[in-house]
Amino acid sequence: MYWMHHARDLLILMCGGSIITTITFASLWVRARERATRAESLLEGMRMGGRADSMSPALDAIAEEVERIGEGQRFITRIMSESASRAELTRPRTPGTTTPH
């Protein structure tokens, strides 16, 4: 009879522990699922261009500066080629000089 008293206490403890464990794991599973859903939506937003919207002003400014640099390079190249052709036309060649090739 003495062991029956302990068996009942053990059964109550095991049932209580099972219930607490089940509730704990269920709540952790729900939280993990919410986090996964949030992370998935965040990644989908990044793929769809969420990051591009925040970076587009910086990219536009960089593109404009690169275009200005290109225009400056074209201008300098044109000026140098014009000045070289003018210098060649204005300087007469003396007979007997050789060009360095």
Protein backbone atom coordinates (compact mmCIF):
# COMPACT_ATOMS: atom_id res chain seq x y z
CA MET A 1 0.00 0.00 0.00
CA TYR A 2 2.91 2.29 0.71
CA TRP A 3 4.22 1.99 -2.84
CA MET A 4 0.77 2.89 -4.24
CA HIS A 5 0.96 6.22 -2.49
CA HIS A 6 4.30 6.94 -4.16
CA ALA A 7 3.03 5.70 -7.54
CA ARG A 8 0.21 8.18 -7.44
CA ASP A 9 2.63 11.03 -6.60
CA LEU A 10 4.98 9.95 -9.38
CA LEU A 11 2.09 9.81 -11.87
CA ILE A 12 0.98 13.30 -10.90
CA LEU A 13 4.55 14.63 -11.24
CA MET A 14 5.00 12.93 -14.63
CA CYS A 15 1.72 14.28 -15.97
CA GLY A 16 2.47 17.77 -14.70
CA GLY A 17 5.96 17.67 -16.19
CA SER A 18 4.60 16.43 -19.52
CA ILE A 19 2.03 19.21 -19.65
CA ILE A 20 4.58 21.90 -18.79
CA THR A 21 7.06 20.52 -21.33
CA THR A 22 4.39 20.35 -24.04
CA ILE A 23 3.27 23.93 -23.42
CA THR A 24 6.88 25.17 -23.38
CA PHE A 25 7.80 23.45 -26.66
CA ALA A 26 4.56 24.61 -28.31
CA SER A 27 5.18 28.24 -27.37
CA LEU A 28 8.81 28.03 -28.54
CA TRP A 29 7.64 26.49 -31.83
CA VAL A 30 5.13 29.33 -32.37
CA ARG A 31 7.81 31.97 -31.66
CA ALA A 32 10.28 30.30 -34.03
CA ARG A 33 7.64 30.15 -36.75
CA GLU A 34 6.87 33.87 -36.32
CA ARG A 35 10.58 34.71 -36.51
CA ALA A 36 10.99 32.59 -39.64
CA THR A 37 8.02 34.29 -41.27
CA ARG A 38 9.41 37.72 -40.39
CA ALA A 39 12.86 36.83 -41.72
CA GLU A 40 11.38 35.42 -44.91
CA SER A 41 9.36 38.58 -45.55
CA LEU A 42 12.43 40.72 -44.86
CA LEU A 43 14.50 38.72 -47.36
CA GLU A 44 11.72 38.92 -49.92
CA GLY A 45 11.57 42.68 -49.43
CA MET A 46 15.31 42.94 -50.02
CA ARG A 47 15.04 40.86 -53.18
CA MET A 48 12.21 42.99 -54.49
CA GLY A 49 14.24 46.17 -54.21
CA GLY A 50 13.83 47.39 -50.66
CA ARG A 51 17.55 47.98 -50.49
CA ALA A 52 17.66 49.71 -53.89
CA ASP A 53 15.19 52.35 -52.73
CA SER A 54 17.42 53.42 -49.88
CA MET A 55 20.56 53.40 -52.03
CA SER A 56 19.14 54.98 -55.19
CA PRO A 57 20.01 58.62 -54.27
CA ALA A 58 23.62 57.64 -53.62
CA LEU A 59 23.80 55.64 -56.85
CA ASP A 60 22.29 58.53 -58.81
CA ALA A 61 24.88 60.93 -57.38
CA ILE A 62 27.72 58.56 -58.24
CA ALA A 63 26.39 58.08 -61.78
CA GLU A 64 26.19 61.84 -62.26
CA GLU A 65 29.77 62.34 -61.08
CA VAL A 66 31.05 59.57 -63.35
CA GLU A 67 29.26 61.21 -66.27
CA ARG A 68 30.91 64.54 -65.44
CA ILE A 69 34.32 62.87 -65.30
CA GLY A 70 33.68 61.30 -68.71
CA GLU A 71 32.68 64.67 -70.18
CA GLY A 72 35.85 66.23 -68.76
CA GLN A 73 37.97 63.48 -70.29
CA ARG A 74 36.35 63.95 -73.70
CA PHE A 75 36.87 67.72 -73.47
CA ILE A 76 40.57 67.37 -72.55
CA THR A 77 41.12 64.81 -75.30
CA ARG A 78 39.53 67.13 -77.87
CA ILE A 79 41.57 70.14 -76.71
CA MET A 80 44.81 68.15 -76.77
CA SER A 81 44.15 66.77 -80.24
CA GLU A 82 43.23 70.23 -81.55
CA SER A 83 46.32 71.83 -80.03
CA ALA A 84 48.53 69.07 -81.41
CA SER A 85 47.10 69.50 -84.90
CA ARG A 86 47.45 73.31 -84.65
CA ALA A 87 51.04 73.02 -83.49
CA GLU A 88 51.78 70.68 -86.37
CA LEU A 89 50.24 73.06 -88.89
CA THR A 90 51.94 76.21 -87.55
CA ARG A 91 55.43 74.75 -87.23
CA PRO A 92 57.11 74.43 -90.58
CA ARG A 93 59.29 71.46 -91.17
CA THR A 94 62.84 72.28 -91.97
CA PRO A 95 64.35 70.27 -94.75
CA GLY A 96 66.51 67.44 -93.63
CA THR A 97 64.89 66.78 -90.25
CA THR A 98 63.59 63.35 -89.46
CA THR A 99 60.63 62.54 -87.35
CA PRO A 100 61.18 60.24 -84.40
CA HIS A 101 59.56 56.93 -85.20
